[in-house]
Protein backbone atom coordinates (compact mmCIF):
# COMPACT_ATOMS: atom_id res chain seq x y z
CA UNK A 1 0.00 0.00 0.00
CA UNK A 2 1.32 3.41 -0.97
CA UNK A 3 2.22 5.67 1.92
CA UNK A 4 0.75 9.13 1.62
CA UNK A 5 2.75 12.24 2.33
CA UNK A 6 3.62 15.64 0.96
CA UNK A 7 5.28 15.87 -2.44
CA UNK A 8 8.60 16.84 -0.87
CA UNK A 9 8.59 13.64 1.17
CA UNK A 10 8.32 11.60 -2.02
CA UNK A 11 11.00 13.65 -3.71
CA UNK A 12 13.31 12.97 -0.78
CA UNK A 13 12.60 9.22 -1.01
CA UNK A 14 13.37 9.23 -4.72
CA UNK A 15 16.68 10.99 -4.12
CA UNK A 16 17.61 8.62 -1.29
CA UNK A 17 16.75 5.67 -3.54
CA UNK A 18 19.06 6.96 -6.29
CA UNK A 19 21.84 7.63 -3.81
CA UNK A 20 21.49 4.08 -2.48
CA UNK A 21 21.46 2.75 -6.06
CA UNK A 22 24.66 4.67 -6.84
CA UNK A 23 26.24 3.12 -3.73
CA UNK A 24 25.49 -0.32 -5.13
CA UNK A 25 22.39 -1.33 -3.16
CA UNK A 26 19.99 -3.68 -4.92
CA UNK A 27 16.46 -2.47 -5.79
CA UNK A 28 14.87 -4.93 -3.34
CA UNK A 29 16.96 -3.55 -0.45
CA UNK A 30 16.14 0.02 -1.46
CA UNK A 31 12.42 -0.80 -1.66
CA UNK A 32 12.44 -2.41 1.79
CA UNK A 33 14.37 0.49 3.31
CA UNK A 34 12.01 3.12 1.90
CA UNK A 35 8.73 1.23 2.25
CA UNK A 36 7.90 1.17 -1.46
CA UNK A 37 7.55 -1.57 -4.05
CA UNK A 38 10.51 -2.86 -6.08
CA UNK A 39 8.67 -1.79 -9.23
CA UNK A 40 8.57 1.80 -7.92
CA UNK A 41 12.32 1.73 -7.33
CA UNK A 42 12.90 0.49 -10.89
CA UNK A 43 10.71 3.33 -12.21
CA UNK A 44 12.68 5.91 -10.22
CA UNK A 45 15.95 4.52 -11.54
CA UNK A 46 14.60 4.66 -15.12
CA UNK A 47 13.48 8.26 -14.67
CA UNK A 48 16.85 9.15 -13.21
CA UNK A 49 18.68 7.58 -16.16
CA UNK A 50 16.50 9.54 -18.61
CA UNK A 51 16.57 12.94 -16.94
CA UNK A 52 19.00 12.97 -14.03
CA UNK A 53 18.08 14.29 -10.59
CA UNK A 54 15.81 16.87 -12.26
CA UNK A 55 13.50 14.02 -13.29
CA UNK A 56 12.98 13.18 -9.59
CA UNK A 57 11.64 16.63 -8.64
CA UNK A 58 8.05 16.64 -7.37
CA UNK A 59 5.57 18.51 -9.48
CA UNK A 60 2.01 19.46 -8.75
CA UNK A 61 -0.42 17.42 -10.85
CA UNK A 62 -1.53 19.57 -13.80
CA UNK A 63 -5.25 18.95 -13.37
CA UNK A 64 -7.87 18.97 -16.07
CA UNK A 65 -7.28 21.01 -19.21
CA UNK A 66 -9.48 24.09 -19.49
CA UNK A 67 -12.51 23.75 -21.72
CA UNK A 68 -12.13 27.41 -22.73
CA UNK A 69 -9.52 28.03 -25.43
CA UNK A 70 -7.00 30.83 -25.04
CA UNK A 71 -8.92 32.90 -27.61
CA UNK A 72 -12.18 32.36 -25.71
CA UNK A 73 -10.49 33.42 -22.47
CA UNK A 74 -9.30 36.63 -24.12
CA UNK A 75 -12.81 37.31 -25.42
CA UNK A 76 -14.24 36.65 -21.95
CA UNK A 77 -11.84 39.17 -20.40
CA UNK A 78 -12.97 41.80 -22.93
CA UNK A 79 -16.63 41.06 -22.14
CA UNK A 80 -16.05 41.28 -18.38
CA UNK A 81 -14.53 44.73 -18.72
CA UNK A 82 -18.02 45.84 -19.78
CA UNK A 83 -21.06 45.81 -17.51
CA UNK A 84 -23.51 42.90 -17.58
CA UNK A 85 -26.08 45.22 -19.14
CA UNK A 86 -23.69 46.08 -21.98
CA UNK A 87 -23.37 42.32 -22.55
CA UNK A 88 -27.12 41.87 -22.94
CA UNK A 89 -28.20 41.14 -19.36
CA UNK A 90 -30.94 43.75 -18.99
CA UNK A 91 -31.27 45.28 -15.54
CA UNK A 92 -28.04 43.73 -14.23
CA UNK A 93 -25.26 46.11 -13.18
CA UNK A 94 -22.82 43.89 -11.29
CA UNK A 95 -21.19 40.62 -12.30
CA UNK A 96 -21.95 37.53 -10.22
CA UNK A 97 -20.48 34.08 -10.66
CA UNK A 98 -23.81 32.78 -11.90
CA UNK A 99 -24.09 35.62 -14.40
CA UNK A 100 -20.59 34.92 -15.71
CA UNK A 101 -21.43 31.21 -16.00
CA UNK A 102 -24.52 32.19 -18.02
CA UNK A 103 -22.38 34.46 -20.22
CA UNK A 104 -19.89 31.65 -20.92
CA UNK A 105 -22.69 29.24 -21.77
CA UNK A 106 -24.41 31.77 -24.04
CA UNK A 107 -21.27 32.91 -25.87
CA UNK A 108 -19.18 29.73 -26.03
CA UNK A 109 -21.72 26.92 -25.44
CA UNK A 110 -19.65 25.69 -22.49
CA UNK A 111 -21.53 25.03 -19.25
CA UNK A 112 -19.76 25.64 -15.93
CA UNK A 113 -21.18 25.44 -12.43
CA UNK A 114 -21.11 28.88 -10.84
CA UNK A 115 -18.77 27.65 -8.08
CA UNK A 116 -16.08 26.99 -10.71
CA UNK A 117 -16.18 30.55 -12.08
CA UNK A 118 -14.09 32.01 -9.25
CA UNK A 119 -11.14 29.77 -10.15
CA UNK A 120 -11.44 30.65 -13.82
CA UNK A 121 -11.51 34.36 -13.01
CA UNK A 122 -8.43 34.01 -10.82
CA UNK A 123 -6.47 32.46 -13.70
CA UNK A 124 -7.57 35.41 -15.85
CA UNK A 125 -6.21 37.92 -13.33
CA UNK A 126 -9.47 39.00 -11.72
CA UNK A 127 -9.96 39.16 -7.96
CA UNK A 128 -13.09 38.65 -5.90
CA UNK A 129 -14.54 41.98 -4.87
CA UNK A 130 -17.62 43.14 -3.11
CA UNK A 131 -19.13 46.41 -4.27
CA UNK A 132 -19.02 49.29 -1.80
CA UNK A 133 -22.57 49.76 -0.57
CA UNK A 134 -22.64 53.54 -0.68
CA UNK A 135 -25.01 55.92 -2.36
CA UNK A 136 -23.72 57.53 -5.53
CA UNK A 137 -25.04 60.89 -4.21
CA UNK A 138 -22.80 60.63 -1.14
CA UNK A 139 -20.86 63.85 -0.45
CA UNK A 140 -17.66 63.03 1.46
CA UNK A 141 -16.82 66.71 2.17
CA UNK A 142 -20.22 67.33 3.73
CA UNK A 143 -19.94 64.14 5.81
CA UNK A 144 -16.50 65.19 7.12
CA UNK A 145 -17.82 68.65 8.07
CA UNK A 146 -20.73 67.06 9.93
CA UNK A 147 -18.35 64.78 11.85
CA UNK A 148 -16.10 67.69 12.82
CA UNK A 149 -18.74 70.32 13.62
CA UNK A 150 -22.18 68.85 14.33
CA UNK A 151 -21.29 65.54 16.03
CA UNK A 152 -19.16 67.10 18.80
CA UNK A 153 -21.99 69.56 19.56
CA UNK A 154 -24.46 66.70 19.82
CA UNK A 155 -22.15 64.81 22.20
CA UNK A 156 -21.99 67.86 24.50
CA UNK A 157 -25.79 67.77 24.89
CA UNK A 158 -25.85 64.13 26.02
CA UNK A 159 -25.55 63.78 29.78
CA UNK A 160 -22.51 61.72 30.69
CA UNK A 161 -23.05 58.57 32.67
CA UNK A 162 -21.01 58.89 35.85
CA UNK A 163 -20.25 55.61 37.42
C-alpha atoms as a PDB file:
ATOM      1  CA  UNK A   1       0.000   0.000   0.000  1.00  0.00           C
ATOM      2  CA  UNK A   2       1.315   3.409  -0.973  1.00  0.00           C
ATOM      3  CA  UNK A   3       2.217   5.666   1.918  1.00  0.00           C
ATOM      4  CA  UNK A   4       0.753   9.132   1.624  1.00  0.00           C
ATOM      5  CA  UNK A   5       2.752  12.243   2.327  1.00  0.00           C
ATOM      6  CA  UNK A   6       3.624  15.643   0.955  1.00  0.00           C
ATOM      7  CA  UNK A   7       5.277  15.866  -2.442  1.00  0.00           C
ATOM      8  CA  UNK A   8       8.599  16.842  -0.867  1.00  0.00           C
ATOM      9  CA  UNK A   9       8.588  13.643   1.169  1.00  0.00           C
ATOM     10  CA  UNK A  10       8.319  11.596  -2.024  1.00  0.00           C
ATOM     11  CA  UNK A  11      11.000  13.653  -3.710  1.00  0.00           C
ATOM     12  CA  UNK A  12      13.308  12.972  -0.779  1.00  0.00           C
ATOM     13  CA  UNK A  13      12.597   9.221  -1.012  1.00  0.00           C
ATOM     14  CA  UNK A  14      13.370   9.226  -4.723  1.00  0.00           C
ATOM     15  CA  UNK A  15      16.683  10.992  -4.123  1.00  0.00           C
ATOM     16  CA  UNK A  16      17.609   8.622  -1.295  1.00  0.00           C
ATOM     17  CA  UNK A  17      16.750   5.674  -3.539  1.00  0.00           C
ATOM     18  CA  UNK A  18      19.058   6.956  -6.292  1.00  0.00           C
ATOM     19  CA  UNK A  19      21.842   7.631  -3.809  1.00  0.00           C
ATOM     20  CA  UNK A  20      21.492   4.083  -2.475  1.00  0.00           C
ATOM     21  CA  UNK A  21      21.459   2.749  -6.061  1.00  0.00           C
ATOM     22  CA  UNK A  22      24.661   4.674  -6.843  1.00  0.00           C
ATOM     23  CA  UNK A  23      26.238   3.119  -3.733  1.00  0.00           C
ATOM     24  CA  UNK A  24      25.494  -0.321  -5.132  1.00  0.00           C
ATOM     25  CA  UNK A  25      22.391  -1.326  -3.161  1.00  0.00           C
ATOM     26  CA  UNK A  26      19.988  -3.681  -4.917  1.00  0.00           C
ATOM     27  CA  UNK A  27      16.456  -2.466  -5.787  1.00  0.00           C
ATOM     28  CA  UNK A  28      14.872  -4.934  -3.339  1.00  0.00           C
ATOM     29  CA  UNK A  29      16.962  -3.554  -0.446  1.00  0.00           C
ATOM     30  CA  UNK A  30      16.137   0.022  -1.463  1.00  0.00           C
ATOM     31  CA  UNK A  31      12.421  -0.805  -1.661  1.00  0.00           C
ATOM     32  CA  UNK A  32      12.440  -2.413   1.792  1.00  0.00           C
ATOM     33  CA  UNK A  33      14.368   0.493   3.315  1.00  0.00           C
ATOM     34  CA  UNK A  34      12.007   3.116   1.899  1.00  0.00           C
ATOM     35  CA  UNK A  35       8.733   1.229   2.253  1.00  0.00           C
ATOM     36  CA  UNK A  36       7.899   1.174  -1.463  1.00  0.00           C
ATOM     37  CA  UNK A  37       7.554  -1.571  -4.053  1.00  0.00           C
ATOM     38  CA  UNK A  38      10.506  -2.863  -6.080  1.00  0.00           C
ATOM     39  CA  UNK A  39       8.672  -1.792  -9.231  1.00  0.00           C
ATOM     40  CA  UNK A  40       8.566   1.795  -7.918  1.00  0.00           C
ATOM     41  CA  UNK A  41      12.323   1.730  -7.330  1.00  0.00           C
ATOM     42  CA  UNK A  42      12.900   0.492 -10.890  1.00  0.00           C
ATOM     43  CA  UNK A  43      10.708   3.328 -12.207  1.00  0.00           C
ATOM     44  CA  UNK A  44      12.677   5.910 -10.220  1.00  0.00           C
ATOM     45  CA  UNK A  45      15.954   4.519 -11.543  1.00  0.00           C
ATOM     46  CA  UNK A  46      14.602   4.656 -15.121  1.00  0.00           C
ATOM     47  CA  UNK A  47      13.477   8.264 -14.674  1.00  0.00           C
ATOM     48  CA  UNK A  48      16.851   9.147 -13.207  1.00  0.00           C
ATOM     49  CA  UNK A  49      18.678   7.585 -16.165  1.00  0.00           C
ATOM     50  CA  UNK A  50      16.502   9.536 -18.609  1.00  0.00           C
ATOM     51  CA  UNK A  51      16.569  12.944 -16.936  1.00  0.00           C
ATOM     52  CA  UNK A  52      19.004  12.966 -14.030  1.00  0.00           C
ATOM     53  CA  UNK A  53      18.076  14.294 -10.592  1.00  0.00           C
ATOM     54  CA  UNK A  54      15.810  16.870 -12.264  1.00  0.00           C
ATOM     55  CA  UNK A  55      13.501  14.015 -13.288  1.00  0.00           C
ATOM     56  CA  UNK A  56      12.980  13.181  -9.591  1.00  0.00           C
ATOM     57  CA  UNK A  57      11.643  16.626  -8.636  1.00  0.00           C
ATOM     58  CA  UNK A  58       8.054  16.643  -7.370  1.00  0.00           C
ATOM     59  CA  UNK A  59       5.566  18.513  -9.484  1.00  0.00           C
ATOM     60  CA  UNK A  60       2.008  19.464  -8.746  1.00  0.00           C
ATOM     61  CA  UNK A  61      -0.424  17.421 -10.854  1.00  0.00           C
ATOM     62  CA  UNK A  62      -1.529  19.570 -13.800  1.00  0.00           C
ATOM     63  CA  UNK A  63      -5.247  18.951 -13.374  1.00  0.00           C
ATOM     64  CA  UNK A  64      -7.871  18.968 -16.067  1.00  0.00           C
ATOM     65  CA  UNK A  65      -7.277  21.013 -19.210  1.00  0.00           C
ATOM     66  CA  UNK A  66      -9.479  24.086 -19.490  1.00  0.00           C
ATOM     67  CA  UNK A  67     -12.512  23.755 -21.723  1.00  0.00           C
ATOM     68  CA  UNK A  68     -12.128  27.410 -22.731  1.00  0.00           C
ATOM     69  CA  UNK A  69      -9.516  28.026 -25.427  1.00  0.00           C
ATOM     70  CA  UNK A  70      -6.996  30.832 -25.042  1.00  0.00           C
ATOM     71  CA  UNK A  71      -8.921  32.902 -27.607  1.00  0.00           C
ATOM     72  CA  UNK A  72     -12.184  32.363 -25.714  1.00  0.00           C
ATOM     73  CA  UNK A  73     -10.495  33.418 -22.466  1.00  0.00           C
ATOM     74  CA  UNK A  74      -9.304  36.627 -24.115  1.00  0.00           C
ATOM     75  CA  UNK A  75     -12.812  37.306 -25.416  1.00  0.00           C
ATOM     76  CA  UNK A  76     -14.238  36.654 -21.952  1.00  0.00           C
ATOM     77  CA  UNK A  77     -11.839  39.172 -20.397  1.00  0.00           C
ATOM     78  CA  UNK A  78     -12.975  41.801 -22.925  1.00  0.00           C
ATOM     79  CA  UNK A  79     -16.630  41.060 -22.141  1.00  0.00           C
ATOM     80  CA  UNK A  80     -16.054  41.276 -18.381  1.00  0.00           C
ATOM     81  CA  UNK A  81     -14.531  44.731 -18.715  1.00  0.00           C
ATOM     82  CA  UNK A  82     -18.020  45.842 -19.775  1.00  0.00           C
ATOM     83  CA  UNK A  83     -21.056  45.805 -17.513  1.00  0.00           C
ATOM     84  CA  UNK A  84     -23.512  42.902 -17.583  1.00  0.00           C
ATOM     85  CA  UNK A  85     -26.084  45.221 -19.136  1.00  0.00           C
ATOM     86  CA  UNK A  86     -23.686  46.079 -21.981  1.00  0.00           C
ATOM     87  CA  UNK A  87     -23.370  42.322 -22.552  1.00  0.00           C
ATOM     88  CA  UNK A  88     -27.120  41.869 -22.936  1.00  0.00           C
ATOM     89  CA  UNK A  89     -28.203  41.142 -19.358  1.00  0.00           C
ATOM     90  CA  UNK A  90     -30.939  43.750 -18.992  1.00  0.00           C
ATOM     91  CA  UNK A  91     -31.270  45.278 -15.543  1.00  0.00           C
ATOM     92  CA  UNK A  92     -28.038  43.731 -14.228  1.00  0.00           C
ATOM     93  CA  UNK A  93     -25.256  46.106 -13.184  1.00  0.00           C
ATOM     94  CA  UNK A  94     -22.817  43.886 -11.291  1.00  0.00           C
ATOM     95  CA  UNK A  95     -21.185  40.619 -12.301  1.00  0.00           C
ATOM     96  CA  UNK A  96     -21.953  37.530 -10.224  1.00  0.00           C
ATOM     97  CA  UNK A  97     -20.476  34.083 -10.663  1.00  0.00           C
ATOM     98  CA  UNK A  98     -23.810  32.775 -11.899  1.00  0.00           C
ATOM     99  CA  UNK A  99     -24.090  35.618 -14.403  1.00  0.00           C
ATOM    100  CA  UNK A 100     -20.590  34.917 -15.713  1.00  0.00           C
ATOM    101  CA  UNK A 101     -21.432  31.206 -16.001  1.00  0.00           C
ATOM    102  CA  UNK A 102     -24.518  32.193 -18.015  1.00  0.00           C
ATOM    103  CA  UNK A 103     -22.382  34.458 -20.222  1.00  0.00           C
ATOM    104  CA  UNK A 104     -19.888  31.647 -20.923  1.00  0.00           C
ATOM    105  CA  UNK A 105     -22.691  29.245 -21.766  1.00  0.00           C
ATOM    106  CA  UNK A 106     -24.406  31.767 -24.036  1.00  0.00           C
ATOM    107  CA  UNK A 107     -21.267  32.912 -25.866  1.00  0.00           C
ATOM    108  CA  UNK A 108     -19.178  29.728 -26.025  1.00  0.00           C
ATOM    109  CA  UNK A 109     -21.722  26.923 -25.445  1.00  0.00           C
ATOM    110  CA  UNK A 110     -19.654  25.695 -22.486  1.00  0.00           C
ATOM    111  CA  UNK A 111     -21.527  25.029 -19.254  1.00  0.00           C
ATOM    112  CA  UNK A 112     -19.763  25.640 -15.934  1.00  0.00           C
ATOM    113  CA  UNK A 113     -21.182  25.440 -12.435  1.00  0.00           C
ATOM    114  CA  UNK A 114     -21.114  28.885 -10.842  1.00  0.00           C
ATOM    115  CA  UNK A 115     -18.767  27.654  -8.076  1.00  0.00           C
ATOM    116  CA  UNK A 116     -16.081  26.990 -10.707  1.00  0.00           C
ATOM    117  CA  UNK A 117     -16.177  30.547 -12.084  1.00  0.00           C
ATOM    118  CA  UNK A 118     -14.093  32.009  -9.252  1.00  0.00           C
ATOM    119  CA  UNK A 119     -11.136  29.773 -10.149  1.00  0.00           C
ATOM    120  CA  UNK A 120     -11.445  30.647 -13.824  1.00  0.00           C
ATOM    121  CA  UNK A 121     -11.507  34.363 -13.010  1.00  0.00           C
ATOM    122  CA  UNK A 122      -8.434  34.009 -10.817  1.00  0.00           C
ATOM    123  CA  UNK A 123      -6.471  32.464 -13.704  1.00  0.00           C
ATOM    124  CA  UNK A 124      -7.574  35.414 -15.852  1.00  0.00           C
ATOM    125  CA  UNK A 125      -6.208  37.917 -13.327  1.00  0.00           C
ATOM    126  CA  UNK A 126      -9.471  38.997 -11.720  1.00  0.00           C
ATOM    127  CA  UNK A 127      -9.957  39.161  -7.961  1.00  0.00           C
ATOM    128  CA  UNK A 128     -13.090  38.650  -5.899  1.00  0.00           C
ATOM    129  CA  UNK A 129     -14.541  41.983  -4.871  1.00  0.00           C
ATOM    130  CA  UNK A 130     -17.624  43.139  -3.105  1.00  0.00           C
ATOM    131  CA  UNK A 131     -19.125  46.413  -4.269  1.00  0.00           C
ATOM    132  CA  UNK A 132     -19.019  49.290  -1.797  1.00  0.00           C
ATOM    133  CA  UNK A 133     -22.567  49.764  -0.566  1.00  0.00           C
ATOM    134  CA  UNK A 134     -22.637  53.544  -0.679  1.00  0.00           C
ATOM    135  CA  UNK A 135     -25.015  55.915  -2.359  1.00  0.00           C
ATOM    136  CA  UNK A 136     -23.724  57.529  -5.534  1.00  0.00           C
ATOM    137  CA  UNK A 137     -25.042  60.888  -4.215  1.00  0.00           C
ATOM    138  CA  UNK A 138     -22.798  60.634  -1.140  1.00  0.00           C
ATOM    139  CA  UNK A 139     -20.858  63.851  -0.454  1.00  0.00           C
ATOM    140  CA  UNK A 140     -17.658  63.026   1.460  1.00  0.00           C
ATOM    141  CA  UNK A 141     -16.823  66.707   2.172  1.00  0.00           C
ATOM    142  CA  UNK A 142     -20.221  67.329   3.726  1.00  0.00           C
ATOM    143  CA  UNK A 143     -19.939  64.141   5.810  1.00  0.00           C
ATOM    144  CA  UNK A 144     -16.503  65.188   7.118  1.00  0.00           C
ATOM    145  CA  UNK A 145     -17.820  68.649   8.066  1.00  0.00           C
ATOM    146  CA  UNK A 146     -20.728  67.057   9.933  1.00  0.00           C
ATOM    147  CA  UNK A 147     -18.349  64.780  11.852  1.00  0.00           C
ATOM    148  CA  UNK A 148     -16.099  67.687  12.820  1.00  0.00           C
ATOM    149  CA  UNK A 149     -18.743  70.319  13.621  1.00  0.00           C
ATOM    150  CA  UNK A 150     -22.182  68.852  14.332  1.00  0.00           C
ATOM    151  CA  UNK A 151     -21.295  65.540  16.027  1.00  0.00           C
ATOM    152  CA  UNK A 152     -19.157  67.096  18.803  1.00  0.00           C
ATOM    153  CA  UNK A 153     -21.986  69.557  19.560  1.00  0.00           C
ATOM    154  CA  UNK A 154     -24.464  66.695  19.821  1.00  0.00           C
ATOM    155  CA  UNK A 155     -22.150  64.812  22.196  1.00  0.00           C
ATOM    156  CA  UNK A 156     -21.992  67.863  24.504  1.00  0.00           C
ATOM    157  CA  UNK A 157     -25.789  67.775  24.892  1.00  0.00           C
ATOM    158  CA  UNK A 158     -25.853  64.128  26.019  1.00  0.00           C
ATOM    159  CA  UNK A 159     -25.547  63.777  29.784  1.00  0.00           C
ATOM    160  CA  UNK A 160     -22.506  61.724  30.689  1.00  0.00           C
ATOM    161  CA  UNK A 161     -23.053  58.573  32.670  1.00  0.00           C
ATOM    162  CA  UNK A 162     -21.006  58.887  35.848  1.00  0.00           C
ATOM    163  CA  UNK A 163     -20.248  55.614  37.424  1.00  0.00           C
END
